[in-house]
């Protein structure tokens, strides 16, 4: 019983860790896309890019 509970806890902790990592990966990707687009737009408005 105790061993099963410990195994379940480890499984949940691992699953939570990977879910969190995936969430941060998606968040950083979105921020990178928005950031690149924002820099391009700002440069275009400033006349750096024609």
PDB file of N, CA and C in Angstrom:
ATOM      1  N   UNK A   1       0.840  -1.205   0.000  1.00  0.00           N
ATOM      2  CA  UNK A   1       0.000   0.000   0.000  1.00  0.00           C
ATOM      3  C   UNK A   1       0.873   1.251   0.000  1.00  0.00           C
ATOM      4  N   UNK A   2       1.818   1.289   0.937  1.00  0.00           N
ATOM      5  CA  UNK A   2       2.687   2.460   1.036  1.00  0.00           C
ATOM      6  C   UNK A   2       3.542   2.615  -0.219  1.00  0.00           C
ATOM      7  N   UNK A   3       4.062   1.483  -0.708  1.00  0.00           N
ATOM      8  CA  UNK A   3       4.898   1.528  -1.904  1.00  0.00           C
ATOM      9  C   UNK A   3       4.094   2.035  -3.102  1.00  0.00           C
ATOM     10  N   UNK A   4       2.843   1.585  -3.196  1.00  0.00           N
ATOM     11  CA  UNK A   4       1.984   2.030  -4.287  1.00  0.00           C
ATOM     12  C   UNK A   4       1.724   3.530  -4.210  1.00  0.00           C
ATOM     13  N   UNK A   5       1.521   4.030  -2.981  1.00  0.00           N
ATOM     14  CA  UNK A   5       1.275   5.459  -2.792  1.00  0.00           C
ATOM     15  C   UNK A   5       2.496   6.278  -3.193  1.00  0.00           C
ATOM     16  N   UNK A   6       3.675   5.799  -2.824  1.00  0.00           N
ATOM     17  CA  UNK A   6       4.907   6.507  -3.167  1.00  0.00           C
ATOM     18  C   UNK A   6       5.092   6.531  -4.684  1.00  0.00           C
ATOM     19  N   UNK A   7       4.814   5.402  -5.331  1.00  0.00           N
ATOM     20  CA  UNK A   7       4.931   5.334  -6.788  1.00  0.00           C
ATOM     21  C   UNK A   7       3.958   6.307  -7.452  1.00  0.00           C
ATOM     22  N   UNK A   8       2.747   6.359  -6.935  1.00  0.00           N
ATOM     23  CA  UNK A   8       1.745   7.269  -7.489  1.00  0.00           C
ATOM     24  C   UNK A   8       2.183   8.722  -7.328  1.00  0.00           C
ATOM     25  N   UNK A   9       2.735   9.038  -6.167  1.00  0.00           N
ATOM     26  CA  UNK A   9       3.206  10.396  -5.909  1.00  0.00           C
ATOM     27  C   UNK A   9       4.316  10.773  -6.890  1.00  0.00           C
ATOM     28  N   UNK A  10       5.250   9.851  -7.103  1.00  0.00           N
ATOM     29  CA  UNK A  10       6.340  10.095  -8.043  1.00  0.00           C
ATOM     30  C   UNK A  10       5.820  10.307  -9.458  1.00  0.00           C
ATOM     31  N   UNK A  11       4.841   9.510  -9.856  1.00  0.00           N
ATOM     32  CA  UNK A  11       4.242   9.623 -11.182  1.00  0.00           C
ATOM     33  C   UNK A  11       3.584  10.990 -11.340  1.00  0.00           C
ATOM     34  N   UNK A  12       2.811  11.401 -10.313  1.00  0.00           N
ATOM     35  CA  UNK A  12       2.132  12.691 -10.381  1.00  0.00           C
ATOM     36  C   UNK A  12       3.128  13.844 -10.431  1.00  0.00           C
ATOM     37  N   UNK A  13       4.184  13.751  -9.644  1.00  0.00           N
ATOM     38  CA  UNK A  13       5.198  14.800  -9.614  1.00  0.00           C
ATOM     39  C   UNK A  13       5.876  14.912 -10.983  1.00  0.00           C
ATOM     40  N   UNK A  14       6.198  13.762 -11.583  1.00  0.00           N
ATOM     41  CA  UNK A  14       6.844  13.756 -12.897  1.00  0.00           C
ATOM     42  C   UNK A  14       5.916  14.325 -13.963  1.00  0.00           C
ATOM     43  N   UNK A  15       4.654  13.915 -13.922  1.00  0.00           N
ATOM     44  CA  UNK A  15       3.663  14.403 -14.882  1.00  0.00           C
ATOM     45  C   UNK A  15       3.488  15.915 -14.749  1.00  0.00           C
ATOM     46  N   UNK A  16       3.405  16.391 -13.519  1.00  0.00           N
ATOM     47  CA  UNK A  16       3.265  17.826 -13.268  1.00  0.00           C
ATOM     48  C   UNK A  16       4.472  18.584 -13.795  1.00  0.00           C
ATOM     49  N   UNK A  17       5.666  18.021 -13.578  1.00  0.00           N
ATOM     50  CA  UNK A  17       6.903  18.656 -14.047  1.00  0.00           C
ATOM     51  C   UNK A  17       6.894  18.805 -15.565  1.00  0.00           C
ATOM     52  N   UNK A  18       6.573  17.723 -16.279  1.00  0.00           N
ATOM     53  CA  UNK A  18       6.567  17.785 -17.742  1.00  0.00           C
ATOM     54  C   UNK A  18       5.476  18.711 -18.265  1.00  0.00           C
ATOM     55  N   UNK A  19       4.320  18.716 -17.613  1.00  0.00           N
ATOM     56  CA  UNK A  19       3.239  19.607 -18.022  1.00  0.00           C
ATOM     57  C   UNK A  19       3.663  21.064 -17.847  1.00  0.00           C
ATOM     58  N   UNK A  20       4.353  21.356 -16.736  1.00  0.00           N
ATOM     59  CA  UNK A  20       4.834  22.712 -16.475  1.00  0.00           C
ATOM     60  C   UNK A  20       5.874  23.120 -17.509  1.00  0.00           C
ATOM     61  N   UNK A  21       6.801  22.213 -17.814  1.00  0.00           N
ATOM     62  CA  UNK A  21       7.840  22.501 -18.809  1.00  0.00           C
ATOM     63  C   UNK A  21       7.211  22.792 -20.171  1.00  0.00           C
ATOM     64  N   UNK A  22       6.212  22.008 -20.555  1.00  0.00           N
ATOM     65  CA  UNK A  22       5.528  22.211 -21.832  1.00  0.00           C
ATOM     66  C   UNK A  22       4.823  23.563 -21.847  1.00  0.00           C
ATOM     67  N   UNK A  23       4.187  23.912 -20.726  1.00  0.00           N
ATOM     68  CA  UNK A  23       3.494  25.197 -20.621  1.00  0.00           C
ATOM     69  C   UNK A  23       4.446  26.364 -20.792  1.00  0.00           C
ATOM     70  N   UNK A  24       5.606  26.304 -20.122  1.00  0.00           N
ATOM     71  CA  UNK A  24       6.595  27.370 -20.252  1.00  0.00           C
ATOM     72  C   UNK A  24       7.146  27.433 -21.668  1.00  0.00           C
ATOM     73  N   UNK A  25       7.338  26.266 -22.293  1.00  0.00           N
ATOM     74  CA  UNK A  25       7.840  26.227 -23.669  1.00  0.00           C
ATOM     75  C   UNK A  25       6.898  26.951 -24.616  1.00  0.00           C
ATOM     76  N   UNK A  26       5.602  26.689 -24.463  1.00  0.00           N
ATOM     77  CA  UNK A  26       4.594  27.351 -25.298  1.00  0.00           C
ATOM     78  C   UNK A  26       4.588  28.853 -25.022  1.00  0.00           C
ATOM     79  N   UNK A  27       4.643  29.228 -23.739  1.00  0.00           N
ATOM     80  CA  UNK A  27       4.622  30.640 -23.364  1.00  0.00           C
ATOM     81  C   UNK A  27       5.805  31.388 -23.965  1.00  0.00           C
ATOM     82  N   UNK A  28       7.015  30.826 -23.829  1.00  0.00           N
ATOM     83  CA  UNK A  28       8.210  31.485 -24.366  1.00  0.00           C
ATOM     84  C   UNK A  28       8.161  31.576 -25.886  1.00  0.00           C
ATOM     85  N   UNK A  29       7.611  30.544 -26.550  1.00  0.00           N
ATOM     86  CA  UNK A  29       7.482  30.574 -28.009  1.00  0.00           C
ATOM     87  C   UNK A  29       6.566  31.713 -28.439  1.00  0.00           C
ATOM     88  N   UNK A  30       5.425  31.848 -27.757  1.00  0.00           N
ATOM     89  CA  UNK A  30       4.482  32.927 -28.074  1.00  0.00           C
ATOM     90  C   UNK A  30       5.131  34.289 -27.843  1.00  0.00           C
ATOM     91  N   UNK A  31       5.831  34.445 -26.717  1.00  0.00           N
ATOM     92  CA  UNK A  31       6.502  35.710 -26.423  1.00  0.00           C
ATOM     93  C   UNK A  31       7.573  36.017 -27.460  1.00  0.00           C
ATOM     94  N   UNK A  32       8.300  34.992 -27.905  1.00  0.00           N
ATOM     95  CA  UNK A  32       9.339  35.191 -28.914  1.00  0.00           C
ATOM     96  C   UNK A  32       8.729  35.658 -30.233  1.00  0.00           C
ATOM     97  N   UNK A  33       7.602  35.052 -30.628  1.00  0.00           N
ATOM     98  CA  UNK A  33       6.931  35.446 -31.873  1.00  0.00           C
ATOM     99  C   UNK A  33       6.428  36.883 -31.776  1.00  0.00           C
ATOM    100  N   UNK A  34       5.770  37.206 -30.663  1.00  0.00           N
ATOM    101  CA  UNK A  34       5.260  38.565 -30.460  1.00  0.00           C
ATOM    102  C   UNK A  34       6.423  39.558 -30.407  1.00  0.00           C
ATOM    103  N   UNK A  35       7.497  39.181 -29.712  1.00  0.00           N
ATOM    104  CA  UNK A  35       8.665  40.050 -29.583  1.00  0.00           C
ATOM    105  C   UNK A  35       9.299  40.342 -30.933  1.00  0.00           C
ATOM    106  N   UNK A  36       9.494  39.307 -31.755  1.00  0.00           N
ATOM    107  CA  UNK A  36      10.089  39.483 -33.074  1.00  0.00           C
ATOM    108  C   UNK A  36       9.189  40.365 -33.935  1.00  0.00           C
ATOM    109  N   UNK A  37       7.885  40.125 -33.892  1.00  0.00           N
ATOM    110  CA  UNK A  37       6.931  40.924 -34.649  1.00  0.00           C
ATOM    111  C   UNK A  37       6.925  42.368 -34.182  1.00  0.00           C
ATOM    112  N   UNK A  38       7.005  42.567 -32.872  1.00  0.00           N
ATOM    113  CA  UNK A  38       7.020  43.917 -32.310  1.00  0.00           C
ATOM    114  C   UNK A  38       8.266  44.687 -32.719  1.00  0.00           C
ATOM    115  N   UNK A  39       9.418  44.021 -32.704  1.00  0.00           N
ATOM    116  CA  UNK A  39      10.675  44.655 -33.117  1.00  0.00           C
ATOM    117  C   UNK A  39      10.602  45.026 -34.595  1.00  0.00           C
ATOM    118  N   UNK A  40      10.098  44.120 -35.430  1.00  0.00           N
ATOM    119  CA  UNK A  40       9.964  44.373 -36.868  1.00  0.00           C
ATOM    120  C   UNK A  40       9.044  45.561 -37.123  1.00  0.00           C
ATOM    121  N   UNK A  41       7.897  45.595 -36.428  1.00  0.00           N
ATOM    122  CA  UNK A  41       6.935  46.686 -36.588  1.00  0.00           C
ATOM    123  C   UNK A  41       7.542  48.020 -36.160  1.00  0.00           C
ATOM    124  N   UNK A  42       8.242  48.018 -35.022  1.00  0.00           N
ATOM    125  CA  UNK A  42       8.867  49.242 -34.526  1.00  0.00           C
ATOM    126  C   UNK A  42       9.934  49.735 -35.499  1.00  0.00           C
ATOM    127  N   UNK A  43      10.740  48.827 -36.036  1.00  0.00           N
ATOM    128  CA  UNK A  43      11.784  49.206 -36.991  1.00  0.00           C
ATOM    129  C   UNK A  43      11.165  49.752 -38.275  1.00  0.00           C
ATOM    130  N   UNK A  44      10.077  49.151 -38.719  1.00  0.00           N
ATOM    131  CA  UNK A  44       9.398  49.595 -39.931  1.00  0.00           C
ATOM    132  C   UNK A  44       8.830  50.997 -39.743  1.00  0.00           C
ATOM    133  N   UNK A  45       8.228  51.247 -38.571  1.00  0.00           N
ATOM    134  CA  UNK A  45       7.660  52.563 -38.276  1.00  0.00           C
ATOM    135  C   UNK A  45       8.758  53.618 -38.164  1.00  0.00           C
ATOM    136  N   UNK A  46       9.928  53.210 -37.677  1.00  0.00           N
ATOM    137  CA  UNK A  46      11.038  54.149 -37.520  1.00  0.00           C
ATOM    138  C   UNK A  46      11.745  54.414 -38.847  1.00  0.00           C
ATOM    139  N   UNK A  47      11.384  53.658 -39.888  1.00  0.00           N
ATOM    140  CA  UNK A  47      11.987  53.873 -41.191  1.00  0.00           C
ATOM    141  C   UNK A  47      13.272  53.087 -41.398  1.00  0.00           C
ATOM    142  N   UNK A  48      13.607  52.189 -40.460  1.00  0.00           N
ATOM    143  CA  UNK A  48      14.818  51.376 -40.597  1.00  0.00           C
ATOM    144  C   UNK A  48      14.623  50.350 -41.709  1.00  0.00           C
ATOM    145  N   UNK A  49      13.411  49.764 -41.776  1.00  0.00           N
ATOM    146  CA  UNK A  49      13.085  48.779 -42.811  1.00  0.00           C
ATOM    147  C   UNK A  49      12.108  49.434 -43.783  1.00  0.00           C
ATOM    148  N   UNK A  50      12.414  49.358 -45.050  1.00  0.00           N
ATOM    149  CA  UNK A  50      11.551  49.969 -46.066  1.00  0.00           C
ATOM    150  C   UNK A  50      10.473  48.994 -46.513  1.00  0.00           C
TER     151      UNK A  50
END
